[in-house]
């Protein structure tokens, strides 16, 4: 349990926002709500947009605006350490709505949720680069062209893979999330679906996932792939077994 009381002086709080919810990861959030609290009246001071992947830019924005407290869900250890050395208190593993979190803080009782241990991770960034490399190599081996997403990528897309549909000849565009962006994988899967499902023909969640994580992917129409396991098959469209947008009719065995 993490609790914090509001003193007599104005406290400035930053909360990374995704829609009306607390964003899954401080390090990747593009919008931050900045609140001022003095007494019982929280006030929204501004909404800050940060359109960069550089974590230090987020830290710099917090310092420039005199932030005392950051309330977030996931945050990498290095960034959390930097914020703390700058004198900024970090309350992490907080899920749910931004307004609910702010109300809980203002009441002097804010509890970060560890959530279901099935989806719990102790280190957000551990092994992410290796997982990206393994996933990229897997798709390249199966004939895909793989490239990083555009700067305006929807969170949390890590890679974009493309291959021509053998049925209609059109390009199949696949969004890939390599996981490890947040402490709560179920929330990450939900955010992945909500942000990318209308922009790509298929969504792939690449991870050494448990059966429960695979089940959650199925609920959100996302293909779960373990890049450490050889998944060569007789499918006309390699690797993909689930939803492939308008290319569903091409999903046949050779």
Protein backbone atom coordinates (compact mmCIF):
# COMPACT_ATOMS: atom_id res chain seq x y z
CA UNK A 1 0.00 0.00 0.00
CA UNK A 2 1.28 3.43 -0.91
CA UNK A 3 -0.33 6.41 0.79
CA UNK A 4 0.44 10.12 0.67
CA UNK A 5 -1.05 13.10 2.50
CA UNK A 6 -1.50 16.53 0.97
CA UNK A 7 0.09 19.33 2.93
CA UNK A 8 -0.85 23.01 3.20
CA UNK A 9 1.25 24.14 0.24
CA UNK A 10 0.18 23.51 -3.36
CA UNK A 11 1.29 20.13 -4.60
CA UNK A 12 1.77 19.67 -8.34
CA UNK A 13 1.02 16.16 -9.56
CA UNK A 14 1.66 14.61 -12.97
CA UNK A 15 -0.35 11.60 -14.16
CA UNK A 16 0.40 9.94 -17.52
CA UNK A 17 -2.90 9.54 -19.33
CA UNK A 18 -4.20 7.15 -21.97
CA UNK A 19 -7.79 8.11 -22.82
CA UNK A 20 -9.32 8.61 -19.34
CA UNK A 21 -7.13 5.95 -17.74
CA UNK A 22 -3.67 6.03 -16.23
CA UNK A 23 -1.30 5.09 -19.07
CA UNK A 24 0.35 1.65 -18.81
CA UNK A 25 3.90 3.05 -18.82
CA UNK A 26 5.32 6.42 -17.78
CA UNK A 27 8.28 5.98 -20.14
CA UNK A 28 6.07 5.78 -23.26
CA UNK A 29 3.09 8.00 -22.36
CA UNK A 30 2.39 10.83 -24.77
CA UNK A 31 0.05 12.90 -22.59
CA UNK A 32 0.33 13.97 -18.95
CA UNK A 33 -2.33 15.64 -16.82
CA UNK A 34 -0.82 18.23 -14.49
CA UNK A 35 -2.87 18.98 -11.38
CA UNK A 36 -2.41 21.47 -8.60
CA UNK A 37 -3.81 20.60 -5.17
CA UNK A 38 -4.13 23.07 -2.33
CA UNK A 39 -6.53 22.17 0.41
CA UNK A 40 -9.50 20.19 -0.88
CA UNK A 41 -9.70 21.54 -4.43
CA UNK A 42 -7.65 19.75 -7.12
CA UNK A 43 -7.31 21.84 -10.27
CA UNK A 44 -6.29 20.70 -13.74
CA UNK A 45 -3.54 23.11 -14.70
CA UNK A 46 -2.64 21.75 -18.13
CA UNK A 47 -2.30 18.69 -20.34
CA UNK A 48 1.23 18.24 -21.60
CA UNK A 49 1.96 16.39 -24.85
CA UNK A 50 5.34 14.66 -25.14
CA UNK A 51 5.85 13.32 -28.66
CA UNK A 52 9.22 11.68 -28.20
CA UNK A 53 10.55 8.29 -27.17
CA UNK A 54 13.28 9.83 -25.02
CA UNK A 55 12.60 9.09 -21.35
CA UNK A 56 14.77 12.00 -20.18
CA UNK A 57 12.49 14.43 -22.03
CA UNK A 58 9.67 13.33 -19.74
CA UNK A 59 11.85 13.84 -16.68
CA UNK A 60 12.83 17.29 -17.98
CA UNK A 61 9.16 18.25 -18.45
CA UNK A 62 8.41 17.19 -14.89
CA UNK A 63 11.22 19.38 -13.58
CA UNK A 64 10.29 22.38 -15.73
CA UNK A 65 6.75 22.35 -14.34
CA UNK A 66 7.77 21.94 -10.74
CA UNK A 67 6.16 18.52 -10.32
CA UNK A 68 6.36 17.14 -6.79
CA UNK A 69 4.63 13.81 -7.34
CA UNK A 70 4.17 11.42 -10.24
CA UNK A 71 1.30 8.93 -10.08
CA UNK A 72 1.66 6.17 -12.65
CA UNK A 73 1.14 2.49 -13.41
CA UNK A 74 4.39 1.08 -14.81
CA UNK A 75 7.72 2.86 -14.85
CA UNK A 76 11.21 1.55 -15.57
CA UNK A 77 13.66 1.45 -12.70
CA UNK A 78 16.20 3.85 -14.28
CA UNK A 79 13.57 6.53 -14.94
CA UNK A 80 12.05 6.12 -11.50
CA UNK A 81 15.51 6.51 -9.98
CA UNK A 82 16.18 9.69 -11.99
CA UNK A 83 12.89 11.24 -10.88
CA UNK A 84 13.61 10.40 -7.26
CA UNK A 85 17.09 11.92 -7.40
CA UNK A 86 15.42 15.10 -8.69
CA UNK A 87 13.26 15.16 -5.57
CA UNK A 88 10.10 13.91 -7.26
CA UNK A 89 8.05 11.32 -5.39
CA UNK A 90 6.90 8.38 -7.55
CA UNK A 91 3.75 6.45 -6.67
CA UNK A 92 3.60 3.59 -9.15
CA UNK A 93 1.55 0.47 -9.87
CA UNK A 94 -1.62 2.57 -9.71
CA UNK A 95 -4.32 1.48 -12.15
CA UNK A 96 -7.73 2.75 -13.19
CA UNK A 97 -9.09 6.19 -14.00
CA UNK A 98 -7.08 9.40 -13.68
CA UNK A 99 -9.85 11.12 -11.71
CA UNK A 100 -10.19 8.18 -9.32
CA UNK A 101 -6.46 8.20 -8.60
CA UNK A 102 -6.49 11.93 -8.01
CA UNK A 103 -9.44 11.63 -5.62
CA UNK A 104 -7.72 8.83 -3.70
CA UNK A 105 -4.56 10.91 -3.40
CA UNK A 106 -6.47 13.96 -2.23
CA UNK A 107 -8.16 11.86 0.45
CA UNK A 108 -4.74 10.88 1.75
CA UNK A 109 -5.09 7.25 0.79
CA UNK A 110 -3.72 6.00 -2.51
CA UNK A 111 -3.07 2.31 -3.00
CA UNK A 112 -1.04 0.93 -5.86
CA UNK A 113 -2.42 -2.41 -7.03
CA UNK A 114 -0.06 -5.32 -7.57
CA UNK A 115 -2.82 -7.03 -9.52
CA UNK A 116 -3.07 -10.64 -10.52
CA UNK A 117 0.35 -12.29 -10.04
CA UNK A 118 -0.11 -14.07 -13.37
CA UNK A 119 0.42 -10.73 -15.07
CA UNK A 120 3.02 -9.33 -12.68
CA UNK A 121 6.55 -8.38 -13.70
CA UNK A 122 9.34 -7.23 -11.41
CA UNK A 123 11.32 -5.36 -14.07
CA UNK A 124 9.65 -3.59 -16.99
CA UNK A 125 12.64 -3.30 -19.30
CA UNK A 126 14.46 -6.55 -18.56
CA UNK A 127 15.20 -8.42 -21.78
CA UNK A 128 13.10 -6.17 -24.04
CA UNK A 129 15.88 -5.60 -26.59
CA UNK A 130 16.55 -9.34 -26.82
CA UNK A 131 12.86 -10.03 -27.31
CA UNK A 132 12.67 -7.40 -30.06
CA UNK A 133 15.63 -8.95 -31.88
CA UNK A 134 14.22 -12.48 -31.58
CA UNK A 135 10.82 -11.39 -32.83
CA UNK A 136 12.26 -9.41 -35.73
CA UNK A 137 14.39 -12.40 -36.77
CA UNK A 138 11.41 -14.78 -36.56
CA UNK A 139 9.30 -12.67 -38.93
CA UNK A 140 12.21 -12.09 -41.31
CA UNK A 141 12.77 -15.86 -41.50
CA UNK A 142 9.15 -16.29 -42.57
CA UNK A 143 9.38 -13.83 -45.44
CA UNK A 144 8.11 -10.65 -43.81
CA UNK A 145 9.60 -7.21 -44.19
CA UNK A 146 10.05 -5.78 -40.69
CA UNK A 147 10.62 -2.17 -39.70
CA UNK A 148 10.14 0.10 -36.69
CA UNK A 149 6.78 1.88 -36.44
CA UNK A 150 6.38 5.51 -37.47
CA UNK A 151 7.01 8.24 -34.90
CA UNK A 152 3.26 8.60 -34.47
CA UNK A 153 3.00 4.91 -33.55
CA UNK A 154 0.09 3.85 -31.38
CA UNK A 155 1.23 2.63 -27.98
CA UNK A 156 2.54 -0.05 -27.49
CA UNK A 157 3.49 -1.10 -31.06
CA UNK A 158 7.18 -2.08 -31.23
CA UNK A 159 7.50 -3.44 -34.77
CA UNK A 160 5.53 -3.47 -38.02
CA UNK A 161 5.77 -6.53 -40.30
CA UNK A 162 4.49 -6.71 -43.86
CA UNK A 163 3.94 -9.53 -46.32
CA UNK A 164 1.95 -9.85 -49.55
CA UNK A 165 -1.29 -11.80 -49.33
CA UNK A 166 -1.05 -14.87 -51.60
CA UNK A 167 -4.78 -14.65 -52.31
CA UNK A 168 -5.35 -11.04 -53.35
CA UNK A 169 -1.77 -9.77 -53.62
CA UNK A 170 -2.40 -6.88 -51.26
CA UNK A 171 -0.07 -6.10 -48.38
CA UNK A 172 -0.87 -7.61 -45.00
CA UNK A 173 0.24 -5.18 -42.31
CA UNK A 174 0.94 -6.64 -38.87
CA UNK A 175 1.43 -4.68 -35.64
CA UNK A 176 3.73 -6.38 -33.14
CA UNK A 177 3.93 -5.68 -29.43
CA UNK A 178 6.86 -7.38 -27.73
CA UNK A 179 5.43 -6.87 -24.27
CA UNK A 180 7.36 -5.80 -21.20
CA UNK A 181 6.05 -2.22 -21.31
CA UNK A 182 4.13 -2.38 -18.07
CA UNK A 183 3.75 -4.32 -14.84
CA UNK A 184 0.25 -5.45 -15.84
CA UNK A 185 0.32 -7.48 -19.02
CA UNK A 186 -3.47 -7.72 -19.22
CA UNK A 187 -3.68 -3.93 -19.35
CA UNK A 188 -0.96 -3.80 -21.97
CA UNK A 189 -2.86 -6.27 -24.16
CA UNK A 190 -6.02 -4.21 -23.80
CA UNK A 191 -4.19 -0.98 -24.68
CA UNK A 192 -2.58 -2.69 -27.68
CA UNK A 193 -5.98 -3.78 -28.99
CA UNK A 194 -7.64 -0.42 -28.39
CA UNK A 195 -4.92 1.62 -30.08
CA UNK A 196 -3.95 -0.59 -33.04
CA UNK A 197 -6.86 -2.85 -33.99
CA UNK A 198 -8.33 -0.47 -36.56
CA UNK A 199 -5.01 0.37 -38.19
CA UNK A 200 -3.56 -3.08 -38.98
CA UNK A 201 -4.72 -6.35 -40.56
CA UNK A 202 -3.43 -8.39 -37.62
CA UNK A 203 -2.05 -7.84 -34.13
CA UNK A 204 0.71 -10.00 -32.66
CA UNK A 205 1.74 -10.11 -29.02
CA UNK A 206 5.23 -11.64 -28.90
CA UNK A 207 6.28 -12.99 -25.55
CA UNK A 208 7.22 -16.13 -23.67
CA UNK A 209 3.69 -16.00 -22.38
CA UNK A 210 1.75 -18.15 -19.93
CA UNK A 211 -1.51 -19.86 -20.79
CA UNK A 212 -3.43 -17.09 -19.03
CA UNK A 213 -1.75 -14.43 -21.16
CA UNK A 214 -2.52 -16.43 -24.31
CA UNK A 215 -6.15 -16.60 -23.21
CA UNK A 216 -6.26 -12.82 -22.75
CA UNK A 217 -4.80 -12.32 -26.23
CA UNK A 218 -7.52 -14.55 -27.68
CA UNK A 219 -10.20 -12.45 -25.97
CA UNK A 220 -8.86 -9.35 -27.72
CA UNK A 221 -8.36 -11.02 -31.12
CA UNK A 222 -4.57 -10.85 -30.84
CA UNK A 223 -2.17 -13.53 -32.06
CA UNK A 224 0.13 -14.72 -29.26
CA UNK A 225 3.55 -15.87 -30.47
CA UNK A 226 6.53 -17.20 -28.53
CA UNK A 227 9.58 -16.04 -30.55
CA UNK A 228 11.78 -18.60 -28.81
CA UNK A 229 9.79 -21.48 -30.28
CA UNK A 230 9.97 -22.47 -33.94
CA UNK A 231 6.47 -21.91 -35.33
CA UNK A 232 6.97 -22.92 -38.96
CA UNK A 233 3.77 -24.32 -40.36
CA UNK A 234 1.92 -25.15 -43.58
CA UNK A 235 -0.11 -21.96 -43.44
CA UNK A 236 -0.25 -19.89 -46.61
CA UNK A 237 0.20 -16.79 -44.46
CA UNK A 238 3.15 -17.63 -42.18
CA UNK A 239 2.84 -17.47 -38.39
CA UNK A 240 -0.69 -16.07 -38.37
CA UNK A 241 -3.50 -18.35 -37.28
CA UNK A 242 -5.98 -15.83 -35.90
CA UNK A 243 -7.76 -12.75 -37.24
CA UNK A 244 -6.25 -11.26 -40.44
CA UNK A 245 -8.77 -8.58 -41.35
CA UNK A 246 -10.11 -8.82 -44.90
CA UNK A 247 -7.55 -11.55 -45.67
CA UNK A 248 -9.39 -14.23 -43.65
CA UNK A 249 -10.25 -16.16 -46.83
CA UNK A 250 -6.53 -16.67 -47.51
CA UNK A 251 -5.93 -18.58 -44.30
CA UNK A 252 -5.74 -22.10 -45.76
CA UNK A 253 -3.39 -25.04 -45.48
CA UNK A 254 -1.07 -25.72 -48.39
